[in-house]
């Protein structure tokens, strides 16, 4: 079976099932290298070695390092958005679908994975220097805030849109900033801090 991309009706290449699996393995390898070595040392050669393939084979899936790094980040961010959507429920539902404290707990559980936190630290560092990566990250946080805003609106349908938006933006800033403290990168975690974090973050959602 060939790994060569097959054309689609839109002109975009479509990988075979085998090719899709190999592409995913390249992304897995790139994610591991980014976490272990940081962006500066995440060369295509290092990623190819981690994936157990030749450089030319890797470049069959990702022509440049920028393409590969962007795909890694998009996949990681989409996973986080998926977990957020599961926690908050569909944005179109008018009824309250989840307890705010439960939503906060789900999001904080992501921070229990040190590999994921280190990847996000690399993401933020990349976004500060690379306009393409910055665009990916800004889109992600825009969607993140949008999910939270819709959840707040379901909790408080009478609130003005700008109030719901401000609550959502503050919530995201609080939870995302907490990852630096809870992971040990910028501070030390404690049970008391976690309890306060859940309380205040849930109040932002609850109103």
C-alpha atoms as a PDB file:
ATOM      1  CA  UNK A   1       0.000   0.000   0.000  1.00  0.00           C
ATOM      2  CA  UNK A   2       1.392   3.387  -0.959  1.00  0.00           C
ATOM      3  CA  UNK A   3       1.759   6.255   1.492  1.00  0.00           C
ATOM      4  CA  UNK A   4       1.543   8.750  -1.359  1.00  0.00           C
ATOM      5  CA  UNK A   5      -1.213  11.308  -0.821  1.00  0.00           C
ATOM      6  CA  UNK A   6      -4.246  10.839  -3.052  1.00  0.00           C
ATOM      7  CA  UNK A   7      -5.947  13.939  -4.453  1.00  0.00           C
ATOM      8  CA  UNK A   8      -9.296  14.943  -3.049  1.00  0.00           C
ATOM      9  CA  UNK A   9     -12.103  16.873  -4.678  1.00  0.00           C
ATOM     10  CA  UNK A  10     -10.803  20.064  -3.109  1.00  0.00           C
ATOM     11  CA  UNK A  11      -7.286  19.532  -4.431  1.00  0.00           C
ATOM     12  CA  UNK A  12      -5.901  18.823  -0.924  1.00  0.00           C
ATOM     13  CA  UNK A  13      -3.819  15.651  -0.522  1.00  0.00           C
ATOM     14  CA  UNK A  14      -5.423  12.769   1.308  1.00  0.00           C
ATOM     15  CA  UNK A  15      -3.206  10.228   3.038  1.00  0.00           C
ATOM     16  CA  UNK A  16      -3.866   6.514   2.999  1.00  0.00           C
ATOM     17  CA  UNK A  17      -4.727   4.868   6.310  1.00  0.00           C
ATOM     18  CA  UNK A  18      -1.125   3.715   6.635  1.00  0.00           C
ATOM     19  CA  UNK A  19       0.116   7.187   5.769  1.00  0.00           C
ATOM     20  CA  UNK A  20      -2.182   8.760   8.368  1.00  0.00           C
ATOM     21  CA  UNK A  21      -0.823   6.415  11.034  1.00  0.00           C
ATOM     22  CA  UNK A  22       2.756   7.280  10.104  1.00  0.00           C
ATOM     23  CA  UNK A  23       1.955  10.991  10.081  1.00  0.00           C
ATOM     24  CA  UNK A  24       0.515  10.655  13.588  1.00  0.00           C
ATOM     25  CA  UNK A  25       3.685   8.839  14.707  1.00  0.00           C
ATOM     26  CA  UNK A  26       5.765  11.755  13.401  1.00  0.00           C
ATOM     27  CA  UNK A  27       3.608  14.174  15.405  1.00  0.00           C
ATOM     28  CA  UNK A  28       3.990  11.999  18.508  1.00  0.00           C
ATOM     29  CA  UNK A  29       7.767  11.977  18.066  1.00  0.00           C
ATOM     30  CA  UNK A  30       7.901  15.738  17.503  1.00  0.00           C
ATOM     31  CA  UNK A  31       5.833  16.335  20.625  1.00  0.00           C
ATOM     32  CA  UNK A  32       8.195  14.173  22.693  1.00  0.00           C
ATOM     33  CA  UNK A  33      11.259  16.008  21.355  1.00  0.00           C
ATOM     34  CA  UNK A  34       9.705  19.432  21.965  1.00  0.00           C
ATOM     35  CA  UNK A  35       8.932  18.489  25.569  1.00  0.00           C
ATOM     36  CA  UNK A  36      12.276  16.809  26.268  1.00  0.00           C
ATOM     37  CA  UNK A  37      14.656  19.146  24.420  1.00  0.00           C
ATOM     38  CA  UNK A  38      12.744  22.377  23.873  1.00  0.00           C
ATOM     39  CA  UNK A  39      12.087  24.168  20.634  1.00  0.00           C
ATOM     40  CA  UNK A  40      15.711  25.222  20.053  1.00  0.00           C
ATOM     41  CA  UNK A  41      16.896  21.601  19.841  1.00  0.00           C
ATOM     42  CA  UNK A  42      13.822  20.168  18.131  1.00  0.00           C
ATOM     43  CA  UNK A  43      15.458  19.786  14.708  1.00  0.00           C
ATOM     44  CA  UNK A  44      13.958  17.712  11.913  1.00  0.00           C
ATOM     45  CA  UNK A  45      16.902  15.341  12.262  1.00  0.00           C
ATOM     46  CA  UNK A  46      16.237  14.837  15.981  1.00  0.00           C
ATOM     47  CA  UNK A  47      12.543  14.264  15.329  1.00  0.00           C
ATOM     48  CA  UNK A  48      13.241  11.832  12.495  1.00  0.00           C
ATOM     49  CA  UNK A  49      15.559   9.872  14.790  1.00  0.00           C
ATOM     50  CA  UNK A  50      12.895   9.804  17.521  1.00  0.00           C
ATOM     51  CA  UNK A  51      10.327   8.594  14.972  1.00  0.00           C
ATOM     52  CA  UNK A  52      12.721   5.941  13.663  1.00  0.00           C
ATOM     53  CA  UNK A  53      12.635   7.122  10.059  1.00  0.00           C
ATOM     54  CA  UNK A  54      14.844   8.814   7.504  1.00  0.00           C
ATOM     55  CA  UNK A  55      14.746  12.573   7.026  1.00  0.00           C
ATOM     56  CA  UNK A  56      13.421  12.203   3.509  1.00  0.00           C
ATOM     57  CA  UNK A  57      10.557  10.044   4.742  1.00  0.00           C
ATOM     58  CA  UNK A  58       9.672  12.549   7.454  1.00  0.00           C
ATOM     59  CA  UNK A  59       9.655  15.365   4.899  1.00  0.00           C
ATOM     60  CA  UNK A  60       7.192  13.376   2.829  1.00  0.00           C
ATOM     61  CA  UNK A  61       4.664  14.320   5.550  1.00  0.00           C
ATOM     62  CA  UNK A  62       6.056  17.702   6.640  1.00  0.00           C
ATOM     63  CA  UNK A  63       8.182  19.595   4.164  1.00  0.00           C
ATOM     64  CA  UNK A  64       9.557  22.046   6.740  1.00  0.00           C
ATOM     65  CA  UNK A  65      10.161  22.187  10.458  1.00  0.00           C
ATOM     66  CA  UNK A  66       7.683  25.066  10.721  1.00  0.00           C
ATOM     67  CA  UNK A  67       4.955  22.918   9.148  1.00  0.00           C
ATOM     68  CA  UNK A  68       5.655  20.116  11.613  1.00  0.00           C
ATOM     69  CA  UNK A  69       5.758  22.300  14.722  1.00  0.00           C
ATOM     70  CA  UNK A  70       2.538  24.035  13.702  1.00  0.00           C
ATOM     71  CA  UNK A  71       0.803  20.668  13.226  1.00  0.00           C
ATOM     72  CA  UNK A  72       1.989  19.478  16.651  1.00  0.00           C
ATOM     73  CA  UNK A  73       0.617  22.572  18.328  1.00  0.00           C
ATOM     74  CA  UNK A  74      -2.702  22.472  16.456  1.00  0.00           C
ATOM     75  CA  UNK A  75      -3.220  18.841  17.472  1.00  0.00           C
ATOM     76  CA  UNK A  76      -2.394  19.493  21.131  1.00  0.00           C
ATOM     77  CA  UNK A  77      -4.634  22.548  21.284  1.00  0.00           C
ATOM     78  CA  UNK A  78      -7.503  20.715  19.592  1.00  0.00           C
ATOM     79  CA  UNK A  79      -7.258  17.965  22.223  1.00  0.00           C
ATOM     80  CA  UNK A  80      -7.587  20.560  24.972  1.00  0.00           C
ATOM     81  CA  UNK A  81     -10.574  22.178  23.275  1.00  0.00           C
ATOM     82  CA  UNK A  82     -12.213  18.769  22.953  1.00  0.00           C
ATOM     83  CA  UNK A  83     -11.904  18.171  26.689  1.00  0.00           C
ATOM     84  CA  UNK A  84     -13.272  21.644  27.379  1.00  0.00           C
ATOM     85  CA  UNK A  85     -16.253  21.058  25.092  1.00  0.00           C
ATOM     86  CA  UNK A  86     -17.019  17.775  26.847  1.00  0.00           C
ATOM     87  CA  UNK A  87     -16.902  19.486  30.237  1.00  0.00           C
ATOM     88  CA  UNK A  88     -19.087  22.470  29.340  1.00  0.00           C
ATOM     89  CA  UNK A  89     -21.509  20.764  26.963  1.00  0.00           C
ATOM     90  CA  UNK A  90     -22.653  21.986  23.526  1.00  0.00           C
ATOM     91  CA  UNK A  91     -22.695  25.776  23.216  1.00  0.00           C
ATOM     92  CA  UNK A  92     -26.136  25.652  21.610  1.00  0.00           C
ATOM     93  CA  UNK A  93     -27.880  24.173  24.648  1.00  0.00           C
ATOM     94  CA  UNK A  94     -29.816  26.778  26.645  1.00  0.00           C
ATOM     95  CA  UNK A  95     -29.919  24.712  29.827  1.00  0.00           C
ATOM     96  CA  UNK A  96     -27.190  24.407  32.441  1.00  0.00           C
ATOM     97  CA  UNK A  97     -25.344  21.202  31.564  1.00  0.00           C
ATOM     98  CA  UNK A  98     -22.542  20.958  34.109  1.00  0.00           C
ATOM     99  CA  UNK A  99     -21.619  22.179  37.557  1.00  0.00           C
ATOM    100  CA  UNK A 100     -19.051  25.014  37.376  1.00  0.00           C
ATOM    101  CA  UNK A 101     -16.793  23.371  39.961  1.00  0.00           C
ATOM    102  CA  UNK A 102     -16.824  20.171  37.904  1.00  0.00           C
ATOM    103  CA  UNK A 103     -15.780  22.134  34.807  1.00  0.00           C
ATOM    104  CA  UNK A 104     -12.880  23.697  36.709  1.00  0.00           C
ATOM    105  CA  UNK A 105     -11.811  20.296  38.019  1.00  0.00           C
ATOM    106  CA  UNK A 106     -11.710  18.841  34.494  1.00  0.00           C
ATOM    107  CA  UNK A 107      -9.560  21.694  33.216  1.00  0.00           C
ATOM    108  CA  UNK A 108      -7.183  21.565  36.169  1.00  0.00           C
ATOM    109  CA  UNK A 109      -6.781  17.814  35.657  1.00  0.00           C
ATOM    110  CA  UNK A 110      -4.919  18.604  32.433  1.00  0.00           C
ATOM    111  CA  UNK A 111      -2.285  20.306  34.547  1.00  0.00           C
ATOM    112  CA  UNK A 112      -1.580  17.019  36.315  1.00  0.00           C
ATOM    113  CA  UNK A 113       0.322  15.932  33.210  1.00  0.00           C
ATOM    114  CA  UNK A 114       3.806  17.495  33.397  1.00  0.00           C
ATOM    115  CA  UNK A 115       4.491  16.608  29.762  1.00  0.00           C
ATOM    116  CA  UNK A 116       1.458  18.584  28.627  1.00  0.00           C
ATOM    117  CA  UNK A 117       2.355  21.581  30.790  1.00  0.00           C
ATOM    118  CA  UNK A 118       5.913  21.621  29.397  1.00  0.00           C
ATOM    119  CA  UNK A 119       4.512  21.442  25.864  1.00  0.00           C
ATOM    120  CA  UNK A 120       2.283  24.452  26.536  1.00  0.00           C
ATOM    121  CA  UNK A 121       5.243  26.374  27.947  1.00  0.00           C
ATOM    122  CA  UNK A 122       7.042  25.712  24.648  1.00  0.00           C
ATOM    123  CA  UNK A 123       3.897  26.803  22.802  1.00  0.00           C
ATOM    124  CA  UNK A 124       3.812  30.135  24.644  1.00  0.00           C
ATOM    125  CA  UNK A 125       7.524  30.712  24.047  1.00  0.00           C
ATOM    126  CA  UNK A 126       7.149  29.945  20.341  1.00  0.00           C
ATOM    127  CA  UNK A 127       4.112  32.208  20.041  1.00  0.00           C
ATOM    128  CA  UNK A 128       6.114  35.127  21.434  1.00  0.00           C
ATOM    129  CA  UNK A 129       8.613  34.860  18.562  1.00  0.00           C
ATOM    130  CA  UNK A 130       6.814  33.289  15.607  1.00  0.00           C
ATOM    131  CA  UNK A 131       3.868  35.020  13.932  1.00  0.00           C
ATOM    132  CA  UNK A 132       2.448  31.811  12.425  1.00  0.00           C
ATOM    133  CA  UNK A 133       2.508  30.021  15.772  1.00  0.00           C
ATOM    134  CA  UNK A 134       1.101  33.128  17.443  1.00  0.00           C
ATOM    135  CA  UNK A 135      -1.860  33.006  15.061  1.00  0.00           C
ATOM    136  CA  UNK A 136      -2.515  29.361  15.979  1.00  0.00           C
ATOM    137  CA  UNK A 137      -2.328  30.107  19.701  1.00  0.00           C
ATOM    138  CA  UNK A 138      -4.539  33.198  19.463  1.00  0.00           C
ATOM    139  CA  UNK A 139      -7.148  31.214  17.545  1.00  0.00           C
ATOM    140  CA  UNK A 140      -7.039  28.502  20.196  1.00  0.00           C
ATOM    141  CA  UNK A 141      -7.538  30.946  23.081  1.00  0.00           C
ATOM    142  CA  UNK A 142     -10.268  32.714  21.159  1.00  0.00           C
ATOM    143  CA  UNK A 143     -12.146  29.429  20.860  1.00  0.00           C
ATOM    144  CA  UNK A 144     -11.352  28.569  24.477  1.00  0.00           C
ATOM    145  CA  UNK A 145     -12.821  31.873  25.693  1.00  0.00           C
ATOM    146  CA  UNK A 146     -15.798  31.362  23.395  1.00  0.00           C
ATOM    147  CA  UNK A 147     -16.628  27.982  24.963  1.00  0.00           C
ATOM    148  CA  UNK A 148     -16.392  29.438  28.461  1.00  0.00           C
ATOM    149  CA  UNK A 149     -18.406  32.523  27.472  1.00  0.00           C
ATOM    150  CA  UNK A 150     -21.223  30.327  26.130  1.00  0.00           C
ATOM    151  CA  UNK A 151     -21.197  28.358  29.384  1.00  0.00           C
ATOM    152  CA  UNK A 152     -21.489  31.552  31.454  1.00  0.00           C
ATOM    153  CA  UNK A 153     -24.342  32.759  29.245  1.00  0.00           C
ATOM    154  CA  UNK A 154     -26.221  29.519  29.904  1.00  0.00           C
ATOM    155  CA  UNK A 155     -25.707  30.040  33.611  1.00  0.00           C
ATOM    156  CA  UNK A 156     -26.778  33.702  33.496  1.00  0.00           C
ATOM    157  CA  UNK A 157     -28.946  34.291  30.395  1.00  0.00           C
ATOM    158  CA  UNK A 158     -29.881  37.781  31.593  1.00  0.00           C
ATOM    159  CA  UNK A 159     -26.315  39.060  31.766  1.00  0.00           C
ATOM    160  CA  UNK A 160     -24.979  41.442  29.071  1.00  0.00           C
ATOM    161  CA  UNK A 161     -22.720  39.804  26.483  1.00  0.00           C
ATOM    162  CA  UNK A 162     -19.744  41.950  27.521  1.00  0.00           C
ATOM    163  CA  UNK A 163     -20.044  40.768  31.129  1.00  0.00           C
ATOM    164  CA  UNK A 164     -20.087  37.119  30.071  1.00  0.00           C
ATOM    165  CA  UNK A 165     -17.077  37.744  27.828  1.00  0.00           C
ATOM    166  CA  UNK A 166     -15.131  39.459  30.602  1.00  0.00           C
ATOM    167  CA  UNK A 167     -15.907  36.610  33.001  1.00  0.00           C
ATOM    168  CA  UNK A 168     -14.722  34.085  30.420  1.00  0.00           C
ATOM    169  CA  UNK A 169     -11.496  35.962  29.693  1.00  0.00           C
ATOM    170  CA  UNK A 170     -10.735  36.301  33.406  1.00  0.00           C
ATOM    171  CA  UNK A 171     -11.466  32.622  33.951  1.00  0.00           C
ATOM    172  CA  UNK A 172      -9.086  31.554  31.168  1.00  0.00           C
ATOM    173  CA  UNK A 173      -6.365  33.889  32.449  1.00  0.00           C
ATOM    174  CA  UNK A 174      -6.724  32.481  35.978  1.00  0.00           C
ATOM    175  CA  UNK A 175      -6.723  28.808  34.986  1.00  0.00           C
ATOM    176  CA  UNK A 176      -3.943  29.073  32.419  1.00  0.00           C
ATOM    177  CA  UNK A 177      -1.738  31.146  34.711  1.00  0.00           C
ATOM    178  CA  UNK A 178      -2.287  28.619  37.473  1.00  0.00           C
ATOM    179  CA  UNK A 179      -0.517  25.964  35.416  1.00  0.00           C
ATOM    180  CA  UNK A 180       2.836  27.682  36.009  1.00  0.00           C
ATOM    181  CA  UNK A 181       2.373  27.565  39.773  1.00  0.00           C
ATOM    182  CA  UNK A 182       0.759  24.134  40.009  1.00  0.00           C
ATOM    183  CA  UNK A 183       3.393  22.511  37.787  1.00  0.00           C
ATOM    184  CA  UNK A 184       6.273  23.813  39.917  1.00  0.00           C
ATOM    185  CA  UNK A 185       7.690  25.932  37.099  1.00  0.00           C
ATOM    186  CA  UNK A 186       6.991  29.246  38.821  1.00  0.00           C
ATOM    187  CA  UNK A 187       6.056  28.157  42.327  1.00  0.00           C
ATOM    188  CA  UNK A 188       4.935  25.283  44.495  1.00  0.00           C
ATOM    189  CA  UNK A 189       1.526  23.673  44.573  1.00  0.00           C
ATOM    190  CA  UNK A 190      -0.531  23.171  47.732  1.00  0.00           C
ATOM    191  CA  UNK A 191      -3.930  21.709  48.548  1.00  0.00           C
ATOM    192  CA  UNK A 192      -5.022  25.057  49.979  1.00  0.00           C
ATOM    193  CA  UNK A 193      -4.138  26.839  46.745  1.00  0.00           C
ATOM    194  CA  UNK A 194      -6.009  24.241  44.696  1.00  0.00           C
ATOM    195  CA  UNK A 195      -9.098  24.642  46.866  1.00  0.00           C
ATOM    196  CA  UNK A 196      -9.049  28.423  46.513  1.00  0.00           C
ATOM    197  CA  UNK A 197      -8.458  28.147  42.784  1.00  0.00           C
ATOM    198  CA  UNK A 198     -11.466  25.886  42.273  1.00  0.00           C
ATOM    199  CA  UNK A 199     -13.629  28.167  44.423  1.00  0.00           C
ATOM    200  CA  UNK A 200     -12.733  31.424  42.662  1.00  0.00           C
ATOM    201  CA  UNK A 201     -12.701  29.955  39.147  1.00  0.00           C
ATOM    202  CA  UNK A 202     -16.106  28.345  39.699  1.00  0.00           C
ATOM    203  CA  UNK A 203     -17.512  31.654  40.947  1.00  0.00           C
ATOM    204  CA  UNK A 204     -16.447  33.295  37.696  1.00  0.00           C
ATOM    205  CA  UNK A 205     -18.494  30.717  35.808  1.00  0.00           C
ATOM    206  CA  UNK A 206     -21.411  30.735  38.198  1.00  0.00           C
ATOM    207  CA  UNK A 207     -21.779  34.455  38.742  1.00  0.00           C
END
